[in-house]
């Protein structure tokens, strides 16, 4: 009877650590999505602006940024 009780306590501790790990992982993923949600979009816009400025010498950075925002938002 004692062995069964000890096994149950061990399983409860094992399950508790698993649940704590899962909760912490979910919290970490939530925080990372809030922190880096526009990171890819900002990099894409920056790359587009640089390429537009190299292609069109008469375009200034404000015009290139506006053009890129419109093109990327469409997709």
Foldseek 3Di string as FASTA:
>chain_A
DVVVVVVVVVVVVVVVVVVVVVVVVVVVVVVVCVVCVCVVVVVQLVVQLVVVCVVDVVDDSVRSSVVSVVVVVVD
